[in-house]
C-alpha atoms as a PDB file:
ATOM      1  CA  UNK A   1     -21.802 137.209  66.038  1.00  0.00           C
ATOM      2  CA  UNK A   2     -18.006 137.501  65.788  1.00  0.00           C
ATOM      3  CA  UNK A   3     -18.233 141.294  66.057  1.00  0.00           C
ATOM      4  CA  UNK A   4     -19.925 140.857  69.433  1.00  0.00           C
ATOM      5  CA  UNK A   5     -17.324 138.523  70.929  1.00  0.00           C
ATOM      6  CA  UNK A   6     -14.211 140.020  69.322  1.00  0.00           C
ATOM      7  CA  UNK A   7     -13.930 142.931  71.832  1.00  0.00           C
ATOM      8  CA  UNK A   8     -13.962 140.360  74.636  1.00  0.00           C
ATOM      9  CA  UNK A   9     -11.300 138.216  72.961  1.00  0.00           C
ATOM     10  CA  UNK A  10      -9.133 141.275  72.383  1.00  0.00           C
ATOM     11  CA  UNK A  11      -8.997 142.027  76.111  1.00  0.00           C
ATOM     12  CA  UNK A  12      -6.829 138.962  76.696  1.00  0.00           C
ATOM     13  CA  UNK A  13      -3.392 137.756  75.640  1.00  0.00           C
ATOM     14  CA  UNK A  14      -3.505 136.889  71.899  1.00  0.00           C
ATOM     15  CA  UNK A  15      -1.808 133.509  72.210  1.00  0.00           C
ATOM     16  CA  UNK A  16      -3.959 132.389  75.149  1.00  0.00           C
ATOM     17  CA  UNK A  17      -7.149 133.457  73.378  1.00  0.00           C
ATOM     18  CA  UNK A  18      -6.054 131.641  70.236  1.00  0.00           C
ATOM     19  CA  UNK A  19      -5.694 128.334  72.067  1.00  0.00           C
ATOM     20  CA  UNK A  20      -8.959 128.887  73.951  1.00  0.00           C
ATOM     21  CA  UNK A  21     -10.936 129.527  70.761  1.00  0.00           C
ATOM     22  CA  UNK A  22      -9.511 126.780  68.546  1.00  0.00           C
ATOM     23  CA  UNK A  23      -9.912 124.126  71.235  1.00  0.00           C
ATOM     24  CA  UNK A  24     -13.576 125.008  71.605  1.00  0.00           C
ATOM     25  CA  UNK A  25     -14.020 125.118  67.857  1.00  0.00           C
ATOM     26  CA  UNK A  26     -12.626 121.576  67.673  1.00  0.00           C
ATOM     27  CA  UNK A  27     -14.883 120.433  70.510  1.00  0.00           C
ATOM     28  CA  UNK A  28     -17.930 121.933  68.783  1.00  0.00           C
ATOM     29  CA  UNK A  29     -16.967 120.272  65.490  1.00  0.00           C
ATOM     30  CA  UNK A  30     -16.149 116.857  66.972  1.00  0.00           C
ATOM     31  CA  UNK A  31     -18.584 116.363  69.833  1.00  0.00           C
ATOM     32  CA  UNK A  32     -21.495 118.809  69.635  1.00  0.00           C
ATOM     33  CA  UNK A  33     -24.585 117.182  68.060  1.00  0.00           C
ATOM     34  CA  UNK A  34     -24.752 118.339  64.437  1.00  0.00           C
ATOM     35  CA  UNK A  35     -21.689 120.542  65.081  1.00  0.00           C
ATOM     36  CA  UNK A  36     -20.156 119.815  61.697  1.00  0.00           C
ATOM     37  CA  UNK A  37     -23.444 120.559  59.935  1.00  0.00           C
ATOM     38  CA  UNK A  38     -23.889 123.809  61.844  1.00  0.00           C
ATOM     39  CA  UNK A  39     -20.410 125.046  60.885  1.00  0.00           C
ATOM     40  CA  UNK A  40     -20.816 124.091  57.228  1.00  0.00           C
ATOM     41  CA  UNK A  41     -24.297 125.546  57.031  1.00  0.00           C
ATOM     42  CA  UNK A  42     -23.188 128.815  58.607  1.00  0.00           C
ATOM     43  CA  UNK A  43     -19.930 129.444  56.765  1.00  0.00           C
ATOM     44  CA  UNK A  44     -19.196 127.045  53.903  1.00  0.00           C
ATOM     45  CA  UNK A  45     -19.949 128.322  50.405  1.00  0.00           C
ATOM     46  CA  UNK A  46     -19.861 125.740  47.638  1.00  0.00           C
ATOM     47  CA  UNK A  47     -20.307 126.840  44.048  1.00  0.00           C
ATOM     48  CA  UNK A  48     -18.912 125.089  41.010  1.00  0.00           C
ATOM     49  CA  UNK A  49     -17.506 128.390  39.795  1.00  0.00           C
ATOM     50  CA  UNK A  50     -15.312 128.619  42.907  1.00  0.00           C
ATOM     51  CA  UNK A  51     -13.375 125.452  42.183  1.00  0.00           C
ATOM     52  CA  UNK A  52      -9.743 125.774  41.138  1.00  0.00           C
ATOM     53  CA  UNK A  53      -7.240 123.269  39.798  1.00  0.00           C
ATOM     54  CA  UNK A  54      -3.693 124.305  40.686  1.00  0.00           C
ATOM     55  CA  UNK A  55      -0.484 122.228  40.988  1.00  0.00           C
ATOM     56  CA  UNK A  56      -2.588 119.278  39.818  1.00  0.00           C
ATOM     57  CA  UNK A  57      -4.799 119.604  42.921  1.00  0.00           C
ATOM     58  CA  UNK A  58      -8.520 120.387  42.968  1.00  0.00           C
ATOM     59  CA  UNK A  59      -9.487 123.101  45.476  1.00  0.00           C
ATOM     60  CA  UNK A  60     -13.169 123.554  46.373  1.00  0.00           C
ATOM     61  CA  UNK A  61     -12.505 127.305  46.577  1.00  0.00           C
ATOM     62  CA  UNK A  62      -9.421 129.537  46.346  1.00  0.00           C
ATOM     63  CA  UNK A  63      -9.391 130.748  49.978  1.00  0.00           C
ATOM     64  CA  UNK A  64      -6.976 128.939  52.278  1.00  0.00           C
ATOM     65  CA  UNK A  65      -5.657 129.279  55.799  1.00  0.00           C
ATOM     66  CA  UNK A  66      -2.017 130.309  56.014  1.00  0.00           C
ATOM     67  CA  UNK A  67       0.572 128.452  58.072  1.00  0.00           C
ATOM     68  CA  UNK A  68       1.077 129.490  61.681  1.00  0.00           C
ATOM     69  CA  UNK A  69      -2.547 129.235  62.781  1.00  0.00           C
ATOM     70  CA  UNK A  70      -2.573 125.451  63.203  1.00  0.00           C
ATOM     71  CA  UNK A  71       1.057 124.675  63.931  1.00  0.00           C
ATOM     72  CA  UNK A  72       0.539 121.002  64.772  1.00  0.00           C
ATOM     73  CA  UNK A  73      -2.298 119.986  62.454  1.00  0.00           C
ATOM     74  CA  UNK A  74      -4.764 119.666  65.335  1.00  0.00           C
ATOM     75  CA  UNK A  75      -7.748 121.594  63.959  1.00  0.00           C
ATOM     76  CA  UNK A  76      -7.768 120.935  60.216  1.00  0.00           C
ATOM     77  CA  UNK A  77     -11.220 119.366  59.951  1.00  0.00           C
ATOM     78  CA  UNK A  78     -12.939 122.078  61.992  1.00  0.00           C
ATOM     79  CA  UNK A  79     -11.171 124.836  60.054  1.00  0.00           C
ATOM     80  CA  UNK A  80     -12.154 123.217  56.778  1.00  0.00           C
ATOM     81  CA  UNK A  81     -15.770 123.221  57.929  1.00  0.00           C
ATOM     82  CA  UNK A  82     -15.529 127.004  58.392  1.00  0.00           C
ATOM     83  CA  UNK A  83     -15.257 127.199  54.605  1.00  0.00           C
ATOM     84  CA  UNK A  84     -11.531 127.167  53.871  1.00  0.00           C
ATOM     85  CA  UNK A  85     -10.683 125.578  50.539  1.00  0.00           C
ATOM     86  CA  UNK A  86      -7.381 124.332  51.937  1.00  0.00           C
ATOM     87  CA  UNK A  87      -5.479 124.433  55.225  1.00  0.00           C
ATOM     88  CA  UNK A  88      -1.724 124.845  55.575  1.00  0.00           C
ATOM     89  CA  UNK A  89      -0.267 123.460  58.795  1.00  0.00           C
ATOM     90  CA  UNK A  90       3.044 124.214  60.495  1.00  0.00           C
ATOM     91  CA  UNK A  91       5.663 125.492  60.383  1.00  0.00           C
ATOM     92  CA  UNK A  92       6.851 122.105  61.656  1.00  0.00           C
ATOM     93  CA  UNK A  93      10.413 121.105  62.504  1.00  0.00           C
ATOM     94  CA  UNK A  94      12.004 117.649  62.904  1.00  0.00           C
ATOM     95  CA  UNK A  95      12.194 117.897  66.704  1.00  0.00           C
ATOM     96  CA  UNK A  96       9.700 119.506  69.073  1.00  0.00           C
ATOM     97  CA  UNK A  97      10.692 122.953  70.271  1.00  0.00           C
ATOM     98  CA  UNK A  98       9.070 125.497  72.600  1.00  0.00           C
ATOM     99  CA  UNK A  99       9.704 128.573  70.458  1.00  0.00           C
ATOM    100  CA  UNK A 100      10.675 131.958  71.813  1.00  0.00           C
ATOM    101  CA  UNK A 101       9.922 133.294  75.269  1.00  0.00           C
ATOM    102  CA  UNK A 102       6.446 134.657  76.008  1.00  0.00           C
ATOM    103  CA  UNK A 103       4.879 137.107  75.404  1.00  0.00           C
ATOM    104  CA  UNK A 104       5.548 136.617  71.699  1.00  0.00           C
ATOM    105  CA  UNK A 105       2.407 137.806  69.933  1.00  0.00           C
ATOM    106  CA  UNK A 106       1.059 141.356  70.015  1.00  0.00           C
ATOM    107  CA  UNK A 107      -2.044 143.005  68.567  1.00  0.00           C
ATOM    108  CA  UNK A 108      -1.852 146.421  66.912  1.00  0.00           C
ATOM    109  CA  UNK A 109      -5.575 147.274  66.692  1.00  0.00           C
ATOM    110  CA  UNK A 110      -4.990 150.767  65.304  1.00  0.00           C
ATOM    111  CA  UNK A 111      -3.246 149.150  62.355  1.00  0.00           C
ATOM    112  CA  UNK A 112      -5.374 145.969  62.138  1.00  0.00           C
ATOM    113  CA  UNK A 113      -2.094 144.103  62.478  1.00  0.00           C
ATOM    114  CA  UNK A 114      -0.169 141.569  64.531  1.00  0.00           C
ATOM    115  CA  UNK A 115       3.474 141.241  65.496  1.00  0.00           C
ATOM    116  CA  UNK A 116       4.646 137.741  66.298  1.00  0.00           C
ATOM    117  CA  UNK A 117       7.963 136.192  67.223  1.00  0.00           C
ATOM    118  CA  UNK A 118       6.694 132.687  67.924  1.00  0.00           C
ATOM    119  CA  UNK A 119       9.873 130.970  66.714  1.00  0.00           C
ATOM    120  CA  UNK A 120       8.492 127.773  65.137  1.00  0.00           C
ATOM    121  CA  UNK A 121       6.981 126.449  68.368  1.00  0.00           C
ATOM    122  CA  UNK A 122       5.605 122.992  67.551  1.00  0.00           C
ATOM    123  CA  UNK A 123       5.364 119.392  68.767  1.00  0.00           C
ATOM    124  CA  UNK A 124       7.645 117.971  66.084  1.00  0.00           C
ATOM    125  CA  UNK A 125       7.085 116.296  62.740  1.00  0.00           C
ATOM    126  CA  UNK A 126       6.355 112.810  64.110  1.00  0.00           C
ATOM    127  CA  UNK A 127       3.383 114.071  66.103  1.00  0.00           C
ATOM    128  CA  UNK A 128       2.055 116.015  63.135  1.00  0.00           C
ATOM    129  CA  UNK A 129       2.501 113.108  60.720  1.00  0.00           C
ATOM    130  CA  UNK A 130       0.503 110.742  62.888  1.00  0.00           C
ATOM    131  CA  UNK A 131      -2.262 113.287  63.390  1.00  0.00           C
ATOM    132  CA  UNK A 132      -2.519 113.998  59.660  1.00  0.00           C
ATOM    133  CA  UNK A 133      -2.516 110.281  58.857  1.00  0.00           C
ATOM    134  CA  UNK A 134      -5.659 109.864  60.951  1.00  0.00           C
ATOM    135  CA  UNK A 135      -7.208 112.939  59.345  1.00  0.00           C
ATOM    136  CA  UNK A 136      -6.494 111.731  55.794  1.00  0.00           C
ATOM    137  CA  UNK A 137      -7.990 108.330  56.592  1.00  0.00           C
ATOM    138  CA  UNK A 138     -11.267 110.064  57.448  1.00  0.00           C
ATOM    139  CA  UNK A 139     -11.176 113.030  55.085  1.00  0.00           C
ATOM    140  CA  UNK A 140      -8.979 112.431  52.039  1.00  0.00           C
ATOM    141  CA  UNK A 141     -10.772 115.283  50.261  1.00  0.00           C
ATOM    142  CA  UNK A 142      -9.410 118.020  52.575  1.00  0.00           C
ATOM    143  CA  UNK A 143      -6.404 119.677  50.911  1.00  0.00           C
ATOM    144  CA  UNK A 144      -3.587 120.026  53.454  1.00  0.00           C
ATOM    145  CA  UNK A 145      -0.301 121.822  52.935  1.00  0.00           C
ATOM    146  CA  UNK A 146       2.751 121.050  55.044  1.00  0.00           C
ATOM    147  CA  UNK A 147       4.912 124.071  55.880  1.00  0.00           C
ATOM    148  CA  UNK A 148       8.382 122.836  56.861  1.00  0.00           C
ATOM    149  CA  UNK A 149      11.348 124.494  58.561  1.00  0.00           C
ATOM    150  CA  UNK A 150      14.500 123.857  60.537  1.00  0.00           C
ATOM    151  CA  UNK A 151      15.048 123.587  64.265  1.00  0.00           C
ATOM    152  CA  UNK A 152      16.472 126.682  65.941  1.00  0.00           C
ATOM    153  CA  UNK A 153      19.657 124.908  67.025  1.00  0.00           C
ATOM    154  CA  UNK A 154      20.394 123.433  63.601  1.00  0.00           C
ATOM    155  CA  UNK A 155      23.165 125.442  61.892  1.00  0.00           C
ATOM    156  CA  UNK A 156      22.383 126.707  58.403  1.00  0.00           C
ATOM    157  CA  UNK A 157      25.008 124.445  56.832  1.00  0.00           C
ATOM    158  CA  UNK A 158      22.993 121.448  58.099  1.00  0.00           C
ATOM    159  CA  UNK A 159      19.543 122.932  57.501  1.00  0.00           C
ATOM    160  CA  UNK A 160      18.904 120.825  54.407  1.00  0.00           C
ATOM    161  CA  UNK A 161      18.790 117.677  56.564  1.00  0.00           C
ATOM    162  CA  UNK A 162      16.005 119.166  58.717  1.00  0.00           C
ATOM    163  CA  UNK A 163      13.941 119.931  55.639  1.00  0.00           C
ATOM    164  CA  UNK A 164      14.561 116.415  54.286  1.00  0.00           C
ATOM    165  CA  UNK A 165      13.371 114.836  57.551  1.00  0.00           C
ATOM    166  CA  UNK A 166      10.144 116.845  57.505  1.00  0.00           C
ATOM    167  CA  UNK A 167       9.636 116.209  53.790  1.00  0.00           C
ATOM    168  CA  UNK A 168      10.067 112.444  54.078  1.00  0.00           C
ATOM    169  CA  UNK A 169       7.920 112.144  57.216  1.00  0.00           C
ATOM    170  CA  UNK A 170       4.991 114.142  55.839  1.00  0.00           C
ATOM    171  CA  UNK A 171       5.126 112.943  52.247  1.00  0.00           C
ATOM    172  CA  UNK A 172       2.232 110.496  52.536  1.00  0.00           C
ATOM    173  CA  UNK A 173      -0.065 112.761  54.571  1.00  0.00           C
ATOM    174  CA  UNK A 174       0.043 116.202  52.901  1.00  0.00           C
ATOM    175  CA  UNK A 175      -1.002 117.354  49.437  1.00  0.00           C
ATOM    176  CA  UNK A 176       1.717 119.966  48.941  1.00  0.00           C
ATOM    177  CA  UNK A 177       4.811 121.281  50.704  1.00  0.00           C
ATOM    178  CA  UNK A 178       5.925 124.805  51.557  1.00  0.00           C
ATOM    179  CA  UNK A 179       9.606 125.489  52.219  1.00  0.00           C
ATOM    180  CA  UNK A 180       9.756 128.245  54.820  1.00  0.00           C
ATOM    181  CA  UNK A 181      13.047 130.148  54.737  1.00  0.00           C
ATOM    182  CA  UNK A 182      11.448 133.560  55.245  1.00  0.00           C
ATOM    183  CA  UNK A 183      10.346 133.678  58.876  1.00  0.00           C
ATOM    184  CA  UNK A 184      12.163 136.476  60.735  1.00  0.00           C
ATOM    185  CA  UNK A 185      11.863 134.671  64.069  1.00  0.00           C
ATOM    186  CA  UNK A 186      14.472 131.914  63.710  1.00  0.00           C
ATOM    187  CA  UNK A 187      18.002 133.361  63.864  1.00  0.00           C
ATOM    188  CA  UNK A 188      19.778 133.189  60.511  1.00  0.00           C
ATOM    189  CA  UNK A 189      16.887 131.512  58.691  1.00  0.00           C
ATOM    190  CA  UNK A 190      16.421 134.265  56.101  1.00  0.00           C
ATOM    191  CA  UNK A 191      20.020 133.784  54.979  1.00  0.00           C
ATOM    192  CA  UNK A 192      18.731 130.595  53.319  1.00  0.00           C
ATOM    193  CA  UNK A 193      16.826 132.829  50.870  1.00  0.00           C
ATOM    194  CA  UNK A 194      20.119 133.701  49.205  1.00  0.00           C
ATOM    195  CA  UNK A 195      20.461 132.124  45.783  1.00  0.00           C
ATOM    196  CA  UNK A 196      23.141 129.494  46.380  1.00  0.00           C
ATOM    197  CA  UNK A 197      21.817 127.862  49.591  1.00  0.00           C
ATOM    198  CA  UNK A 198      18.239 128.100  48.324  1.00  0.00           C
ATOM    199  CA  UNK A 199      19.097 126.369  45.054  1.00  0.00           C
ATOM    200  CA  UNK A 200      20.835 123.577  46.963  1.00  0.00           C
ATOM    201  CA  UNK A 201      17.888 123.112  49.329  1.00  0.00           C
ATOM    202  CA  UNK A 202      15.201 123.084  46.636  1.00  0.00           C
ATOM    203  CA  UNK A 203      17.164 120.863  44.263  1.00  0.00           C
ATOM    204  CA  UNK A 204      17.750 118.359  47.068  1.00  0.00           C
ATOM    205  CA  UNK A 205      14.036 118.201  47.865  1.00  0.00           C
ATOM    206  CA  UNK A 206      13.142 117.936  44.183  1.00  0.00           C
ATOM    207  CA  UNK A 207      15.460 114.947  43.779  1.00  0.00           C
ATOM    208  CA  UNK A 208      13.771 113.194  46.693  1.00  0.00           C
ATOM    209  CA  UNK A 209      10.404 114.168  45.252  1.00  0.00           C
ATOM    210  CA  UNK A 210      11.236 112.539  41.924  1.00  0.00           C
ATOM    211  CA  UNK A 211      12.309 109.295  43.590  1.00  0.00           C
ATOM    212  CA  UNK A 212       8.692 108.553  44.575  1.00  0.00           C
ATOM    213  CA  UNK A 213       6.016 107.181  42.289  1.00  0.00           C
ATOM    214  CA  UNK A 214       3.886 110.138  43.372  1.00  0.00           C
ATOM    215  CA  UNK A 215       5.441 113.597  43.565  1.00  0.00           C
ATOM    216  CA  UNK A 216       4.161 116.468  45.686  1.00  0.00           C
ATOM    217  CA  UNK A 217       4.061 120.119  44.650  1.00  0.00           C
ATOM    218  CA  UNK A 218       6.817 122.063  46.431  1.00  0.00           C
ATOM    219  CA  UNK A 219       6.262 125.783  46.990  1.00  0.00           C
ATOM    220  CA  UNK A 220       8.625 128.436  48.308  1.00  0.00           C
ATOM    221  CA  UNK A 221       7.388 131.024  50.824  1.00  0.00           C
ATOM    222  CA  UNK A 222       9.218 134.330  50.473  1.00  0.00           C
ATOM    223  CA  UNK A 223       9.541 137.495  52.538  1.00  0.00           C
ATOM    224  CA  UNK A 224       8.000 140.818  51.477  1.00  0.00           C
ATOM    225  CA  UNK A 225      11.293 142.556  52.245  1.00  0.00           C
ATOM    226  CA  UNK A 226      13.144 141.236  49.184  1.00  0.00           C
ATOM    227  CA  UNK A 227      14.508 143.709  46.646  1.00  0.00           C
ATOM    228  CA  UNK A 228      13.615 143.545  42.946  1.00  0.00           C
ATOM    229  CA  UNK A 229      17.007 141.967  42.274  1.00  0.00           C
ATOM    230  CA  UNK A 230      16.294 139.285  44.856  1.00  0.00           C
ATOM    231  CA  UNK A 231      12.856 138.701  43.361  1.00  0.00           C
ATOM    232  CA  UNK A 232      14.535 138.250  39.976  1.00  0.00           C
ATOM    233  CA  UNK A 233      16.680 135.578  41.625  1.00  0.00           C
ATOM    234  CA  UNK A 234      13.533 133.920  42.995  1.00  0.00           C
ATOM    235  CA  UNK A 235      12.043 133.749  39.487  1.00  0.00           C
ATOM    236  CA  UNK A 236      15.236 132.170  38.179  1.00  0.00           C
ATOM    237  CA  UNK A 237      15.395 129.722  41.088  1.00  0.00           C
ATOM    238  CA  UNK A 238      11.795 128.579  40.590  1.00  0.00           C
ATOM    239  CA  UNK A 239      12.409 127.982  36.886  1.00  0.00           C
ATOM    240  CA  UNK A 240      15.739 126.193  37.370  1.00  0.00           C
ATOM    241  CA  UNK A 241      14.628 123.935  40.219  1.00  0.00           C
ATOM    242  CA  UNK A 242      11.223 123.204  38.709  1.00  0.00           C
ATOM    243  CA  UNK A 243       9.319 123.703  41.955  1.00  0.00           C
ATOM    244  CA  UNK A 244       5.568 124.199  41.664  1.00  0.00           C
ATOM    245  CA  UNK A 245       5.270 127.846  42.711  1.00  0.00           C
ATOM    246  CA  UNK A 246       5.631 130.596  45.294  1.00  0.00           C
ATOM    247  CA  UNK A 247       3.738 131.857  48.328  1.00  0.00           C
ATOM    248  CA  UNK A 248       3.989 135.640  48.558  1.00  0.00           C
ATOM    249  CA  UNK A 249       4.417 136.795  51.253  1.00  0.00           C
ATOM    250  CA  UNK A 250       5.471 136.026  54.806  1.00  0.00           C
ATOM    251  CA  UNK A 251       5.547 138.682  57.549  1.00  0.00           C
ATOM    252  CA  UNK A 252       7.670 141.818  57.288  1.00  0.00           C
ATOM    253  CA  UNK A 253      10.341 143.222  59.574  1.00  0.00           C
ATOM    254  CA  UNK A 254       9.449 146.733  58.394  1.00  0.00           C
ATOM    255  CA  UNK A 255       7.522 149.165  60.585  1.00  0.00           C
ATOM    256  CA  UNK A 256       6.855 152.091  58.236  1.00  0.00           C
ATOM    257  CA  UNK A 257       3.581 153.990  58.461  1.00  0.00           C
ATOM    258  CA  UNK A 258       2.196 152.375  61.611  1.00  0.00           C
ATOM    259  CA  UNK A 259      -0.242 154.265  63.833  1.00  0.00           C
ATOM    260  CA  UNK A 260       0.346 152.171  66.947  1.00  0.00           C
ATOM    261  CA  UNK A 261       2.474 153.438  69.811  1.00  0.00           C
ATOM    262  CA  UNK A 262       6.252 153.205  69.898  1.00  0.00           C
ATOM    263  CA  UNK A 263       6.235 150.412  72.481  1.00  0.00           C
ATOM    264  CA  UNK A 264       4.207 148.111  70.243  1.00  0.00           C
ATOM    265  CA  UNK A 265       6.072 149.137  67.101  1.00  0.00           C
ATOM    266  CA  UNK A 266       9.314 148.355  68.884  1.00  0.00           C
ATOM    267  CA  UNK A 267       8.441 144.735  69.576  1.00  0.00           C
ATOM    268  CA  UNK A 268      10.691 142.330  67.677  1.00  0.00           C
ATOM    269  CA  UNK A 269       9.088 139.932  65.220  1.00  0.00           C
ATOM    270  CA  UNK A 270       7.203 139.730  61.960  1.00  0.00           C
ATOM    271  CA  UNK A 271       4.445 142.216  61.202  1.00  0.00           C
ATOM    272  CA  UNK A 272       1.288 140.967  59.468  1.00  0.00           C
ATOM    273  CA  UNK A 273      -2.116 142.408  58.632  1.00  0.00           C
ATOM    274  CA  UNK A 274      -3.257 145.527  56.805  1.00  0.00           C
ATOM    275  CA  UNK A 275       0.155 147.248  56.754  1.00  0.00           C
ATOM    276  CA  UNK A 276       1.299 144.366  54.518  1.00  0.00           C
ATOM    277  CA  UNK A 277      -1.583 144.563  52.019  1.00  0.00           C
ATOM    278  CA  UNK A 278       0.066 146.831  49.468  1.00  0.00           C
ATOM    279  CA  UNK A 279       3.565 145.362  49.600  1.00  0.00           C
ATOM    280  CA  UNK A 280       2.470 141.744  49.278  1.00  0.00           C
ATOM    281  CA  UNK A 281       0.345 142.664  46.260  1.00  0.00           C
ATOM    282  CA  UNK A 282       3.323 144.465  44.718  1.00  0.00           C
ATOM    283  CA  UNK A 283       5.461 141.351  45.131  1.00  0.00           C
ATOM    284  CA  UNK A 284       2.771 139.167  43.561  1.00  0.00           C
ATOM    285  CA  UNK A 285       2.404 141.513  40.591  1.00  0.00           C
ATOM    286  CA  UNK A 286       6.176 141.769  40.102  1.00  0.00           C
ATOM    287  CA  UNK A 287       6.677 137.992  40.139  1.00  0.00           C
ATOM    288  CA  UNK A 288       3.726 137.390  37.848  1.00  0.00           C
ATOM    289  CA  UNK A 289       4.653 140.020  35.270  1.00  0.00           C
ATOM    290  CA  UNK A 290       8.428 139.495  35.263  1.00  0.00           C
ATOM    291  CA  UNK A 291       8.031 135.710  34.924  1.00  0.00           C
ATOM    292  CA  UNK A 292       5.264 136.045  32.338  1.00  0.00           C
ATOM    293  CA  UNK A 293       3.047 133.988  34.666  1.00  0.00           C
ATOM    294  CA  UNK A 294       5.499 131.105  34.465  1.00  0.00           C
ATOM    295  CA  UNK A 295       4.401 129.594  37.789  1.00  0.00           C
ATOM    296  CA  UNK A 296       1.423 129.771  40.178  1.00  0.00           C
ATOM    297  CA  UNK A 297       1.481 132.199  43.111  1.00  0.00           C
ATOM    298  CA  UNK A 298      -0.493 131.950  46.342  1.00  0.00           C
ATOM    299  CA  UNK A 299      -1.180 135.463  47.619  1.00  0.00           C
ATOM    300  CA  UNK A 300      -1.136 136.168  51.341  1.00  0.00           C
ATOM    301  CA  UNK A 301      -0.664 139.323  53.384  1.00  0.00           C
ATOM    302  CA  UNK A 302      -3.184 141.871  54.586  1.00  0.00           C
ATOM    303  CA  UNK A 303      -6.377 140.329  53.212  1.00  0.00           C
ATOM    304  CA  UNK A 304      -9.151 141.793  55.359  1.00  0.00           C
ATOM    305  CA  UNK A 305     -11.948 142.019  52.790  1.00  0.00           C
ATOM    306  CA  UNK A 306     -13.224 140.496  49.564  1.00  0.00           C
ATOM    307  CA  UNK A 307     -11.733 143.483  47.722  1.00  0.00           C
ATOM    308  CA  UNK A 308      -8.292 142.723  49.171  1.00  0.00           C
ATOM    309  CA  UNK A 309      -8.551 139.135  47.958  1.00  0.00           C
ATOM    310  CA  UNK A 310      -9.615 140.257  44.482  1.00  0.00           C
ATOM    311  CA  UNK A 311      -6.625 142.608  44.286  1.00  0.00           C
ATOM    312  CA  UNK A 312      -4.285 139.699  44.981  1.00  0.00           C
ATOM    313  CA  UNK A 313      -5.968 137.583  42.320  1.00  0.00           C
ATOM    314  CA  UNK A 314      -5.973 140.429  39.808  1.00  0.00           C
ATOM    315  CA  UNK A 315      -2.255 140.962  40.492  1.00  0.00           C
ATOM    316  CA  UNK A 316      -1.498 137.392  39.458  1.00  0.00           C
ATOM    317  CA  UNK A 317      -2.278 135.099  42.403  1.00  0.00           C
ATOM    318  CA  UNK A 318      -4.242 131.932  41.683  1.00  0.00           C
ATOM    319  CA  UNK A 319      -5.131 131.226  45.321  1.00  0.00           C
ATOM    320  CA  UNK A 320      -5.137 133.339  48.487  1.00  0.00           C
ATOM    321  CA  UNK A 321      -4.556 132.671  52.168  1.00  0.00           C
ATOM    322  CA  UNK A 322      -5.766 134.351  55.346  1.00  0.00           C
ATOM    323  CA  UNK A 323      -4.280 134.687  58.802  1.00  0.00           C
ATOM    324  CA  UNK A 324      -4.422 138.105  60.476  1.00  0.00           C
ATOM    325  CA  UNK A 325      -7.529 139.124  58.522  1.00  0.00           C
ATOM    326  CA  UNK A 326      -9.214 135.947  59.772  1.00  0.00           C
ATOM    327  CA  UNK A 327      -8.441 136.984  63.352  1.00  0.00           C
ATOM    328  CA  UNK A 328      -9.657 140.566  62.918  1.00  0.00           C
ATOM    329  CA  UNK A 329     -12.691 139.902  60.706  1.00  0.00           C
ATOM    330  CA  UNK A 330     -13.744 136.418  61.782  1.00  0.00           C
ATOM    331  CA  UNK A 331     -14.822 133.370  59.759  1.00  0.00           C
ATOM    332  CA  UNK A 332     -17.415 135.405  57.883  1.00  0.00           C
ATOM    333  CA  UNK A 333     -14.525 136.800  55.824  1.00  0.00           C
ATOM    334  CA  UNK A 334     -14.080 133.436  54.060  1.00  0.00           C
ATOM    335  CA  UNK A 335     -17.742 133.428  53.058  1.00  0.00           C
ATOM    336  CA  UNK A 336     -17.608 137.070  51.918  1.00  0.00           C
ATOM    337  CA  UNK A 337     -14.646 136.387  49.633  1.00  0.00           C
ATOM    338  CA  UNK A 338     -16.162 133.226  48.178  1.00  0.00           C
ATOM    339  CA  UNK A 339     -19.541 134.873  47.535  1.00  0.00           C
ATOM    340  CA  UNK A 340     -17.914 137.859  45.849  1.00  0.00           C
ATOM    341  CA  UNK A 341     -15.821 135.598  43.604  1.00  0.00           C
ATOM    342  CA  UNK A 342     -18.795 133.391  42.757  1.00  0.00           C
END
């Protein structure tokens, strides 16, 4: 079915189509008679052998949705009914912000890729927190990750306060946190990946985490463009701060080996999809082997098939996430991966 409608979707602006599709998915899930049952029956695969326990959380399967798809936590239930084992929302910032000027998302069909420069467009952490509170009241079993960032106008020296605000506001309504310092679309953000500011940020959040009777797993999302020396620093930082793990990887600023035309390749932003498959797997394998599997890794980047997911898991990932592959291959990809793993 998705193969029939995808050519139609791809004739229109990617961001507009995204909003059109997810709104109708939510309507079908919430209001169509038996909509939830239809979605689960068509896509959800539940086998005991698919279950995973990671970070002290029980996942019904290891295939999650990466951050960026549901920036405001509006579609979590419907997306979960498509078969995702967990849904990561955000990136969210303390204050609402519009993001970068449009157009800001571009398809590269020849490369099965996307370029985006969204710029953390979201409705703010208060809106998300209230929405997730209502969701958790109804569906406490859905695993939700909160991907947090800083507002564009917040200088890096004050960035820690933005992360604290998001952390405190979402603490009661998410199951784990992801610290996003690796998006290429917020000016200066990637400078926070350097060892000293990153240690300060993660240690601050860990101290707040330990002040609560219940702590939440904190993960760090890293860029695929880091050198081996920088990855060594990441391993050391994870061990020293005691955070729960790493998400590898975010989008890349590289453009090597693309088949698409120069105009598309020249668009600013982060590249995702198949061109990232190999590099993200390399990063996962490096972190896993060099750390002697000292911490869990969620693998994301260029997963367009069950084989791609297996490569990430074989390289050392314990869970995987989809984004661009989900857009190009459709919801059947989740089922394919789960069936192959089962």
